Amino acid sequence: MLLSKEDLARKNAIYDFDRKIEEMHLQIQRYSQGAENRLPDWERLEMELLHFSRKKINDLELAKNLERVQYKFQNRKKIWLRWIEETHHSAGVEKEST
C-alpha cells in the first residue's frame, strides 16, 4: 500500500508520539526515584496528542495506530499520576519526620 505524503507525515507523527510516550515514561520514573528534580511536562505531550488526534485520518490502519497510541498514553498517564502522588506523599512524610 502506498501512502500519500500526508499519510506518511501522519504515520511518522504517530510513531513520534509513541516514542515520546516511552521517553516520558522513563523521565517520570527517574523523577519518582529521585534521580531528576524537575517533573517532566507530560501535560504538554497530552495536549499535543489531543490536538493531533482531532485531525481527520482517512486511512484505517493509521487511525487504528493512533487509537493504540492514545490508549497507551492513557494507561501510562495513570501510572505516572500514581508515581507522582507516591513521590509527593513520601516527600511529605519525610518532611514531617524531620
PDB file of N, CA and C in Angstrom:
ATOM      1  N   MET A   1       0.835  -1.175   0.000  1.00  0.00           N
ATOM      2  CA  MET A   1       0.000   0.000   0.000  1.00  0.00           C
ATOM      3  C   MET A   1       0.884   1.244   0.000  1.00  0.00           C
ATOM      4  N   LEU A   2       0.650   2.123  -0.924  1.00  0.00           N
ATOM      5  CA  LEU A   2       1.395   3.369  -0.993  1.00  0.00           C
ATOM      6  C   LEU A   2       0.698   4.435  -0.165  1.00  0.00           C
ATOM      7  N   LEU A   3       1.485   5.147   0.598  1.00  0.00           N
ATOM      8  CA  LEU A   3       0.934   6.212   1.420  1.00  0.00           C
ATOM      9  C   LEU A   3       1.156   7.554   0.744  1.00  0.00           C
ATOM     10  N   SER A   4       0.189   8.431   0.867  1.00  0.00           N
ATOM     11  CA  SER A   4       0.366   9.787   0.365  1.00  0.00           C
ATOM     12  C   SER A   4       1.353  10.510   1.280  1.00  0.00           C
ATOM     13  N   LYS A   5       1.807  11.666   0.837  1.00  0.00           N
ATOM     14  CA  LYS A   5       2.735  12.438   1.671  1.00  0.00           C
ATOM     15  C   LYS A   5       2.087  12.807   3.003  1.00  0.00           C
ATOM     16  N   GLU A   6       0.804  13.153   2.963  1.00  0.00           N
ATOM     17  CA  GLU A   6       0.077  13.486   4.195  1.00  0.00           C
ATOM     18  C   GLU A   6       0.008  12.291   5.131  1.00  0.00           C
ATOM     19  N   ASP A   7      -0.333  11.136   4.571  1.00  0.00           N
ATOM     20  CA  ASP A   7      -0.432   9.932   5.393  1.00  0.00           C
ATOM     21  C   ASP A   7       0.930   9.524   5.950  1.00  0.00           C
ATOM     22  N   LEU A   8       1.964   9.690   5.157  1.00  0.00           N
ATOM     23  CA  LEU A   8       3.310   9.374   5.628  1.00  0.00           C
ATOM     24  C   LEU A   8       3.700  10.303   6.779  1.00  0.00           C
ATOM     25  N   ALA A   9       3.351  11.574   6.647  1.00  0.00           N
ATOM     26  CA  ALA A   9       3.632  12.535   7.719  1.00  0.00           C
ATOM     27  C   ALA A   9       2.860  12.153   8.981  1.00  0.00           C
ATOM     28  N   ARG A  10       1.614  11.738   8.820  1.00  0.00           N
ATOM     29  CA  ARG A  10       0.806  11.315   9.972  1.00  0.00           C
ATOM     30  C   ARG A  10       1.387  10.053  10.609  1.00  0.00           C
ATOM     31  N   LYS A  11       1.805   9.113   9.763  1.00  0.00           N
ATOM     32  CA  LYS A  11       2.403   7.876  10.270  1.00  0.00           C
ATOM     33  C   LYS A  11       3.645   8.194  11.101  1.00  0.00           C
ATOM     34  N   ASN A  12       4.487   9.085  10.586  1.00  0.00           N
ATOM     35  CA  ASN A  12       5.695   9.478  11.311  1.00  0.00           C
ATOM     36  C   ASN A  12       5.355  10.204  12.607  1.00  0.00           C
ATOM     37  N   ALA A  13       4.325  11.047  12.567  1.00  0.00           N
ATOM     38  CA  ALA A  13       3.913  11.770  13.773  1.00  0.00           C
ATOM     39  C   ALA A  13       3.403  10.795  14.836  1.00  0.00           C
ATOM     40  N   ILE A  14       2.642   9.808  14.428  1.00  0.00           N
ATOM     41  CA  ILE A  14       2.126   8.806  15.369  1.00  0.00           C
ATOM     42  C   ILE A  14       3.288   8.022  15.973  1.00  0.00           C
ATOM     43  N   TYR A  15       4.258   7.664  15.140  1.00  0.00           N
ATOM     44  CA  TYR A  15       5.450   6.972  15.635  1.00  0.00           C
ATOM     45  C   TYR A  15       6.191   7.857  16.642  1.00  0.00           C
ATOM     46  N   ASP A  16       6.293   9.160  16.339  1.00  0.00           N
ATOM     47  CA  ASP A  16       6.966  10.089  17.254  1.00  0.00           C
ATOM     48  C   ASP A  16       6.242  10.178  18.597  1.00  0.00           C
ATOM     49  N   PHE A  17       4.909  10.193  18.560  1.00  0.00           N
ATOM     50  CA  PHE A  17       4.153  10.217  19.812  1.00  0.00           C
ATOM     51  C   PHE A  17       4.417   8.951  20.620  1.00  0.00           C
ATOM     52  N   ASP A  18       4.466   7.826  19.953  1.00  0.00           N
ATOM     53  CA  ASP A  18       4.747   6.561  20.631  1.00  0.00           C
ATOM     54  C   ASP A  18       6.118   6.622  21.304  1.00  0.00           C
ATOM     55  N   ARG A  19       7.090   7.131  20.592  1.00  0.00           N
ATOM     56  CA  ARG A  19       8.450   7.263  21.125  1.00  0.00           C
ATOM     57  C   ARG A  19       8.483   8.252  22.297  1.00  0.00           C
ATOM     58  N   LYS A  20       7.782   9.376  22.157  1.00  0.00           N
ATOM     59  CA  LYS A  20       7.746  10.386  23.221  1.00  0.00           C
ATOM     60  C   LYS A  20       7.093   9.838  24.487  1.00  0.00           C
ATOM     61  N   ILE A  21       6.090   8.995  24.321  1.00  0.00           N
ATOM     62  CA  ILE A  21       5.441   8.379  25.481  1.00  0.00           C
ATOM     63  C   ILE A  21       6.443   7.501  26.222  1.00  0.00           C
ATOM     64  N   GLU A  22       7.219   6.733  25.474  1.00  0.00           N
ATOM     65  CA  GLU A  22       8.243   5.882  26.099  1.00  0.00           C
ATOM     66  C   GLU A  22       9.289   6.728  26.822  1.00  0.00           C
ATOM     67  N   GLU A  23       9.739   7.804  26.178  1.00  0.00           N
ATOM     68  CA  GLU A  23      10.730   8.686  26.800  1.00  0.00           C
ATOM     69  C   GLU A  23      10.161   9.341  28.058  1.00  0.00           C
ATOM     70  N   MET A  24       8.922   9.794  27.975  1.00  0.00           N
ATOM     71  CA  MET A  24       8.275  10.432  29.122  1.00  0.00           C
ATOM     72  C   MET A  24       8.144   9.440  30.270  1.00  0.00           C
ATOM     73  N   HIS A  25       7.840   8.201  29.955  1.00  0.00           N
ATOM     74  CA  HIS A  25       7.711   7.168  30.982  1.00  0.00           C
ATOM     75  C   HIS A  25       9.030   7.023  31.748  1.00  0.00           C
ATOM     76  N   LEU A  26      10.119   6.978  31.015  1.00  0.00           N
ATOM     77  CA  LEU A  26      11.428   6.846  31.660  1.00  0.00           C
ATOM     78  C   LEU A  26      11.785   8.087  32.473  1.00  0.00           C
ATOM     79  N   GLN A  27      11.457   9.270  31.949  1.00  0.00           N
ATOM     80  CA  GLN A  27      11.753  10.512  32.667  1.00  0.00           C
ATOM     81  C   GLN A  27      10.958  10.607  33.967  1.00  0.00           C
ATOM     82  N   ILE A  28       9.690  10.252  33.917  1.00  0.00           N
ATOM     83  CA  ILE A  28       8.866  10.320  35.126  1.00  0.00           C
ATOM     84  C   ILE A  28       9.291   9.245  36.117  1.00  0.00           C
ATOM     85  N   GLN A  29       9.712   8.108  35.611  1.00  0.00           N
ATOM     86  CA  GLN A  29      10.226   7.066  36.501  1.00  0.00           C
ATOM     87  C   GLN A  29      11.475   7.564  37.230  1.00  0.00           C
ATOM     88  N   ARG A  30      12.371   8.222  36.495  1.00  0.00           N
ATOM     89  CA  ARG A  30      13.573   8.783  37.128  1.00  0.00           C
ATOM     90  C   ARG A  30      13.193   9.854  38.154  1.00  0.00           C
ATOM     91  N   TYR A  31      12.198  10.677  37.830  1.00  0.00           N
ATOM     92  CA  TYR A  31      11.724  11.702  38.762  1.00  0.00           C
ATOM     93  C   TYR A  31      11.183  11.050  40.039  1.00  0.00           C
ATOM     94  N   SER A  32      10.384  10.017  39.872  1.00  0.00           N
ATOM     95  CA  SER A  32       9.781   9.371  41.044  1.00  0.00           C
ATOM     96  C   SER A  32      10.821   8.659  41.904  1.00  0.00           C
ATOM     97  N   GLN A  33      11.941   8.296  41.301  1.00  0.00           N
ATOM     98  CA  GLN A  33      13.016   7.643  42.046  1.00  0.00           C
ATOM     99  C   GLN A  33      14.003   8.647  42.626  1.00  0.00           C
ATOM    100  N   GLY A  34      13.773   9.943  42.331  1.00  0.00           N
ATOM    101  CA  GLY A  34      14.633  10.987  42.872  1.00  0.00           C
ATOM    102  C   GLY A  34      15.857  11.292  42.034  1.00  0.00           C
ATOM    103  N   ALA A  35      15.983  10.673  40.872  1.00  0.00           N
ATOM    104  CA  ALA A  35      17.141  10.911  40.008  1.00  0.00           C
ATOM    105  C   ALA A  35      17.021  12.235  39.251  1.00  0.00           C
ATOM    106  N   GLU A  36      15.794  12.747  39.100  1.00  0.00           N
ATOM    107  CA  GLU A  36      15.558  14.043  38.465  1.00  0.00           C
ATOM    108  C   GLU A  36      14.781  14.910  39.438  1.00  0.00           C
ATOM    109  N   ASN A  37      15.109  16.208  39.438  1.00  0.00           N
ATOM    110  CA  ASN A  37      14.456  17.128  40.366  1.00  0.00           C
ATOM    111  C   ASN A  37      13.214  17.785  39.791  1.00  0.00           C
ATOM    112  N   ARG A  38      13.115  17.835  38.476  1.00  0.00           N
ATOM    113  CA  ARG A  38      12.010  18.544  37.829  1.00  0.00           C
ATOM    114  C   ARG A  38      11.064  17.537  37.195  1.00  0.00           C
ATOM    115  N   LEU A  39       9.780  17.724  37.472  1.00  0.00           N
ATOM    116  CA  LEU A  39       8.759  16.852  36.896  1.00  0.00           C
ATOM    117  C   LEU A  39       8.642  17.122  35.400  1.00  0.00           C
ATOM    118  N   PRO A  40       8.768  16.106  34.566  1.00  0.00           N
ATOM    119  CA  PRO A  40       8.617  16.294  33.115  1.00  0.00           C
ATOM    120  C   PRO A  40       7.214  16.785  32.766  1.00  0.00           C
ATOM    121  N   ASP A  41       7.114  17.534  31.684  1.00  0.00           N
ATOM    122  CA  ASP A  41       5.856  18.167  31.277  1.00  0.00           C
ATOM    123  C   ASP A  41       4.996  17.190  30.474  1.00  0.00           C
ATOM    124  N   TRP A  42       4.406  16.236  31.157  1.00  0.00           N
ATOM    125  CA  TRP A  42       3.565  15.239  30.492  1.00  0.00           C
ATOM    126  C   TRP A  42       2.272  15.862  29.990  1.00  0.00           C
ATOM    127  N   GLU A  43       1.834  16.953  30.606  1.00  0.00           N
ATOM    128  CA  GLU A  43       0.589  17.601  30.180  1.00  0.00           C
ATOM    129  C   GLU A  43       0.724  18.218  28.788  1.00  0.00           C
ATOM    130  N   ARG A  44       1.914  18.719  28.482  1.00  0.00           N
ATOM    131  CA  ARG A  44       2.151  19.276  27.144  1.00  0.00           C
ATOM    132  C   ARG A  44       2.048  18.173  26.098  1.00  0.00           C
ATOM    133  N   LEU A  45       2.624  17.021  26.396  1.00  0.00           N
ATOM    134  CA  LEU A  45       2.531  15.878  25.484  1.00  0.00           C
ATOM    135  C   LEU A  45       1.075  15.469  25.300  1.00  0.00           C
ATOM    136  N   GLU A  46       0.310  15.487  26.365  1.00  0.00           N
ATOM    137  CA  GLU A  46      -1.107  15.144  26.282  1.00  0.00           C
ATOM    138  C   GLU A  46      -1.845  16.122  25.367  1.00  0.00           C
ATOM    139  N   MET A  47      -1.556  17.413  25.504  1.00  0.00           N
ATOM    140  CA  MET A  47      -2.218  18.423  24.670  1.00  0.00           C
ATOM    141  C   MET A  47      -1.816  18.268  23.201  1.00  0.00           C
ATOM    142  N   GLU A  48      -0.545  17.982  22.950  1.00  0.00           N
ATOM    143  CA  GLU A  48      -0.086  17.774  21.572  1.00  0.00           C
ATOM    144  C   GLU A  48      -0.792  16.567  20.948  1.00  0.00           C
ATOM    145  N   LEU A  49      -0.896  15.494  21.699  1.00  0.00           N
ATOM    146  CA  LEU A  49      -1.566  14.288  21.206  1.00  0.00           C
ATOM    147  C   LEU A  49      -3.049  14.555  20.964  1.00  0.00           C
ATOM    148  N   LEU A  50      -3.671  15.284  21.860  1.00  0.00           N
ATOM    149  CA  LEU A  50      -5.083  15.629  21.703  1.00  0.00           C
ATOM    150  C   LEU A  50      -5.295  16.486  20.457  1.00  0.00           C
ATOM    151  N   HIS A  51      -4.441  17.478  20.281  1.00  0.00           N
ATOM    152  CA  HIS A  51      -4.541  18.352  19.107  1.00  0.00           C
ATOM    153  C   HIS A  51      -4.362  17.543  17.819  1.00  0.00           C
ATOM    154  N   PHE A  52      -3.378  16.662  17.806  1.00  0.00           N
ATOM    155  CA  PHE A  52      -3.123  15.837  16.624  1.00  0.00           C
ATOM    156  C   PHE A  52      -4.300  14.912  16.337  1.00  0.00           C
ATOM    157  N   SER A  53      -4.895  14.364  17.377  1.00  0.00           N
ATOM    158  CA  SER A  53      -5.972  13.386  17.193  1.00  0.00           C
ATOM    159  C   SER A  53      -7.242  14.015  16.628  1.00  0.00           C
ATOM    160  N   ARG A  54      -7.349  15.321  16.693  1.00  0.00           N
ATOM    161  CA  ARG A  54      -8.534  15.997  16.147  1.00  0.00           C
ATOM    162  C   ARG A  54      -8.501  16.093  14.629  1.00  0.00           C
ATOM    163  N   LYS A  55      -7.330  15.862  14.053  1.00  0.00           N
ATOM    164  CA  LYS A  55      -7.214  15.888  12.592  1.00  0.00           C
ATOM    165  C   LYS A  55      -7.842  14.620  12.027  1.00  0.00           C
ATOM    166  N   LYS A  56      -8.543  14.775  10.936  1.00  0.00           N
ATOM    167  CA  LYS A  56      -9.216  13.627  10.328  1.00  0.00           C
ATOM    168  C   LYS A  56      -8.195  12.713   9.652  1.00  0.00           C
ATOM    169  N   ILE A  57      -8.304  11.430   9.945  1.00  0.00           N
ATOM    170  CA  ILE A  57      -7.436  10.423   9.337  1.00  0.00           C
ATOM    171  C   ILE A  57      -8.327   9.452   8.579  1.00  0.00           C
ATOM    172  N   ASN A  58      -8.126   9.378   7.272  1.00  0.00           N
ATOM    173  CA  ASN A  58      -8.955   8.516   6.429  1.00  0.00           C
ATOM    174  C   ASN A  58      -8.437   7.083   6.361  1.00  0.00           C
ATOM    175  N   ASP A  59      -7.142   6.902   6.531  1.00  0.00           N
ATOM    176  CA  ASP A  59      -6.544   5.578   6.436  1.00  0.00           C
ATOM    177  C   ASP A  59      -6.855   4.778   7.703  1.00  0.00           C
ATOM    178  N   LEU A  60      -7.491   3.631   7.544  1.00  0.00           N
ATOM    179  CA  LEU A  60      -7.928   2.821   8.680  1.00  0.00           C
ATOM    180  C   LEU A  60      -6.750   2.352   9.534  1.00  0.00           C
ATOM    181  N   GLU A  61      -5.674   1.938   8.893  1.00  0.00           N
ATOM    182  CA  GLU A  61      -4.505   1.461   9.631  1.00  0.00           C
ATOM    183  C   GLU A  61      -3.906   2.576  10.486  1.00  0.00           C
ATOM    184  N   LEU A  62      -3.807   3.776   9.921  1.00  0.00           N
ATOM    185  CA  LEU A  62      -3.280   4.910  10.682  1.00  0.00           C
ATOM    186  C   LEU A  62      -4.209   5.273  11.837  1.00  0.00           C
ATOM    187  N   ALA A  63      -5.511   5.236  11.582  1.00  0.00           N
ATOM    188  CA  ALA A  63      -6.482   5.555  12.629  1.00  0.00           C
ATOM    189  C   ALA A  63      -6.379   4.557  13.782  1.00  0.00           C
ATOM    190  N   LYS A  64      -6.217   3.286  13.459  1.00  0.00           N
ATOM    191  CA  LYS A  64      -6.077   2.261  14.498  1.00  0.00           C
ATOM    192  C   LYS A  64      -4.772   2.440  15.268  1.00  0.00           C
ATOM    193  N   ASN A  65      -3.715   2.801  14.556  1.00  0.00           N
ATOM    194  CA  ASN A  65      -2.431   3.015  15.212  1.00  0.00           C
ATOM    195  C   ASN A  65      -2.505   4.220  16.153  1.00  0.00           C
ATOM    196  N   LEU A  66      -3.177   5.282  15.711  1.00  0.00           N
ATOM    197  CA  LEU A  66      -3.357   6.451  16.571  1.00  0.00           C
ATOM    198  C   LEU A  66      -4.176   6.079  17.805  1.00  0.00           C
ATOM    199  N   GLU A  67      -5.208   5.296  17.621  1.00  0.00           N
ATOM    200  CA  GLU A  67      -6.034   4.857  18.752  1.00  0.00           C
ATOM    201  C   GLU A  67      -5.202   4.043  19.741  1.00  0.00           C
ATOM    202  N   ARG A  68      -4.325   3.195  19.220  1.00  0.00           N
ATOM    203  CA  ARG A  68      -3.438   2.397  20.078  1.00  0.00           C
ATOM    204  C   ARG A  68      -2.515   3.301  20.890  1.00  0.00           C
ATOM    205  N   VAL A  69      -1.967   4.336  20.242  1.00  0.00           N
ATOM    206  CA  VAL A  69      -1.063   5.262  20.922  1.00  0.00           C
ATOM    207  C   VAL A  69      -1.821   6.073  21.983  1.00  0.00           C
ATOM    208  N   GLN A  70      -3.045   6.483  21.671  1.00  0.00           N
ATOM    209  CA  GLN A  70      -3.853   7.215  22.653  1.00  0.00           C
ATOM    210  C   GLN A  70      -4.164   6.329  23.863  1.00  0.00           C
ATOM    211  N   TYR A  71      -4.483   5.083  23.614  1.00  0.00           N
ATOM    212  CA  TYR A  71      -4.759   4.137  24.693  1.00  0.00           C
ATOM    213  C   TYR A  71      -3.507   3.939  25.547  1.00  0.00           C
ATOM    214  N   LYS A  72      -2.372   3.815  24.887  1.00  0.00           N
ATOM    215  CA  LYS A  72      -1.101   3.660  25.590  1.00  0.00           C
ATOM    216  C   LYS A  72      -0.840   4.874  26.474  1.00  0.00           C
ATOM    217  N   PHE A  73      -1.091   6.071  25.929  1.00  0.00           N
ATOM    218  CA  PHE A  73      -0.871   7.285  26.709  1.00  0.00           C
ATOM    219  C   PHE A  73      -1.756   7.294  27.954  1.00  0.00           C
ATOM    220  N   GLN A  74      -3.017   6.957  27.796  1.00  0.00           N
ATOM    221  CA  GLN A  74      -3.935   6.977  28.938  1.00  0.00           C
ATOM    222  C   GLN A  74      -3.512   5.978  30.017  1.00  0.00           C
ATOM    223  N   ASN A  75      -3.061   4.812  29.611  1.00  0.00           N
ATOM    224  CA  ASN A  75      -2.587   3.827  30.587  1.00  0.00           C
ATOM    225  C   ASN A  75      -1.329   4.309  31.296  1.00  0.00           C
ATOM    226  N   ARG A  76      -0.412   4.874  30.526  1.00  0.00           N
ATOM    227  CA  ARG A  76       0.814   5.386  31.134  1.00  0.00           C
ATOM    228  C   ARG A  76       0.512   6.573  32.044  1.00  0.00           C
ATOM    229  N   LYS A  77      -0.433   7.404  31.643  1.00  0.00           N
ATOM    230  CA  LYS A  77      -0.800   8.568  32.458  1.00  0.00           C
ATOM    231  C   LYS A  77      -1.270   8.118  33.840  1.00  0.00           C
ATOM    232  N   LYS A  78      -2.053   7.052  33.898  1.00  0.00           N
ATOM    233  CA  LYS A  78      -2.499   6.518  35.192  1.00  0.00           C
ATOM    234  C   LYS A  78      -1.302   6.115  36.046  1.00  0.00           C
ATOM    235  N   ILE A  79      -0.334   5.471  35.420  1.00  0.00           N
ATOM    236  CA  ILE A  79       0.882   5.056  36.129  1.00  0.00           C
ATOM    237  C   ILE A  79       1.645   6.281  36.604  1.00  0.00           C
ATOM    238  N   TRP A  80       1.815   7.262  35.712  1.00  0.00           N
ATOM    239  CA  TRP A  80       2.570   8.474  36.055  1.00  0.00           C
ATOM    240  C   TRP A  80       1.939   9.206  37.226  1.00  0.00           C
ATOM    241  N   LEU A  81       0.630   9.363  37.179  1.00  0.00           N
ATOM    242  CA  LEU A  81      -0.052  10.080  38.258  1.00  0.00           C
ATOM    243  C   LEU A  81       0.096   9.347  39.584  1.00  0.00           C
ATOM    244  N   ARG A  82       0.061   8.024  39.540  1.00  0.00           N
ATOM    245  CA  ARG A  82       0.264   7.244  40.761  1.00  0.00           C
ATOM    246  C   ARG A  82       1.689   7.445  41.284  1.00  0.00           C
ATOM    247  N   TRP A  83       2.683   7.386  40.382  1.00  0.00           N
ATOM    248  CA  TRP A  83       4.073   7.596  40.789  1.00  0.00           C
ATOM    249  C   TRP A  83       4.267   8.989  41.375  1.00  0.00           C
ATOM    250  N   ILE A  84       3.688   9.988  40.719  1.00  0.00           N
ATOM    251  CA  ILE A  84       3.835  11.369  41.183  1.00  0.00           C
ATOM    252  C   ILE A  84       3.196  11.526  42.559  1.00  0.00           C
ATOM    253  N   GLU A  85       2.015  10.964  42.735  1.00  0.00           N
ATOM    254  CA  GLU A  85       1.336  11.036  44.029  1.00  0.00           C
ATOM    255  C   GLU A  85       2.168  10.349  45.111  1.00  0.00           C
ATOM    256  N   GLU A  86       2.709   9.183  44.801  1.00  0.00           N
ATOM    257  CA  GLU A  86       3.543   8.467  45.769  1.00  0.00           C
ATOM    258  C   GLU A  86       4.798   9.260  46.102  1.00  0.00           C
ATOM    259  N   THR A  87       5.386   9.900  45.100  1.00  0.00           N
ATOM    260  CA  THR A  87       6.591  10.700  45.312  1.00  0.00           C
ATOM    261  C   THR A  87       6.295  11.880  46.221  1.00  0.00           C
ATOM    262  N   HIS A  88       5.196  12.581  45.955  1.00  0.00           N
ATOM    263  CA  HIS A  88       4.835  13.734  46.779  1.00  0.00           C
ATOM    264  C   HIS A  88       4.427  13.299  48.187  1.00  0.00           C
ATOM    265  N   HIS A  89       3.762  12.172  48.277  1.00  0.00           N
ATOM    266  CA  HIS A  89       3.357  11.666  49.591  1.00  0.00           C
ATOM    267  C   HIS A  89       4.588  11.289  50.414  1.00  0.00           C
ATOM    268  N   SER A  90       5.532  10.591  49.800  1.00  0.00           N
ATOM    269  CA  SER A  90       6.731  10.182  50.539  1.00  0.00           C
ATOM    270  C   SER A  90       7.590  11.390  50.889  1.00  0.00           C
ATOM    271  N   ALA A  91       7.598  12.425  50.043  1.00  0.00           N
ATOM    272  CA  ALA A  91       8.348  13.645  50.350  1.00  0.00           C
ATOM    273  C   ALA A  91       7.704  14.365  51.528  1.00  0.00           C
ATOM    274  N   GLY A  92       6.382  14.358  51.593  1.00  0.00           N
ATOM    275  CA  GLY A  92       5.675  14.980  52.710  1.00  0.00           C
ATOM    276  C   GLY A  92       5.919  14.246  54.013  1.00  0.00           C
ATOM    277  N   VAL A  93       5.972  12.937  53.963  1.00  0.00           N
ATOM    278  CA  VAL A  93       6.237  12.128  55.154  1.00  0.00           C
ATOM    279  C   VAL A  93       7.654  12.383  55.648  1.00  0.00           C
ATOM    280  N   GLU A  94       8.613  12.488  54.727  1.00  0.00           N
ATOM    281  CA  GLU A  94       9.999  12.757  55.111  1.00  0.00           C
ATOM    282  C   GLU A  94      10.119  14.128  55.762  1.00  0.00           C
ATOM    283  N   LYS A  95       9.403  15.136  55.246  1.00  0.00           N
ATOM    284  CA  LYS A  95       9.439  16.483  55.825  1.00  0.00           C
ATOM    285  C   LYS A  95       8.884  16.475  57.243  1.00  0.00           C
ATOM    286  N   GLU A  96       7.791  15.753  57.443  1.00  0.00           N
ATOM    287  CA  GLU A  96       7.157  15.704  58.755  1.00  0.00           C
ATOM    288  C   GLU A  96       8.049  15.028  59.789  1.00  0.00           C
ATOM    289  N   SER A  97       8.836  14.060  59.367  1.00  0.00           N
ATOM    290  CA  SER A  97       9.672  13.324  60.309  1.00  0.00           C
ATOM    291  C   SER A  97      10.946  14.074  60.676  1.00  0.00           C
ATOM    292  N   THR A  98      11.283  15.138  59.937  1.00  0.00           N
ATOM    293  CA  THR A  98      12.499  15.903  60.262  1.00  0.00           C
ATOM    294  C   THR A  98      12.209  17.082  61.130  1.00  0.00           C
TER     295      THR A  98
END
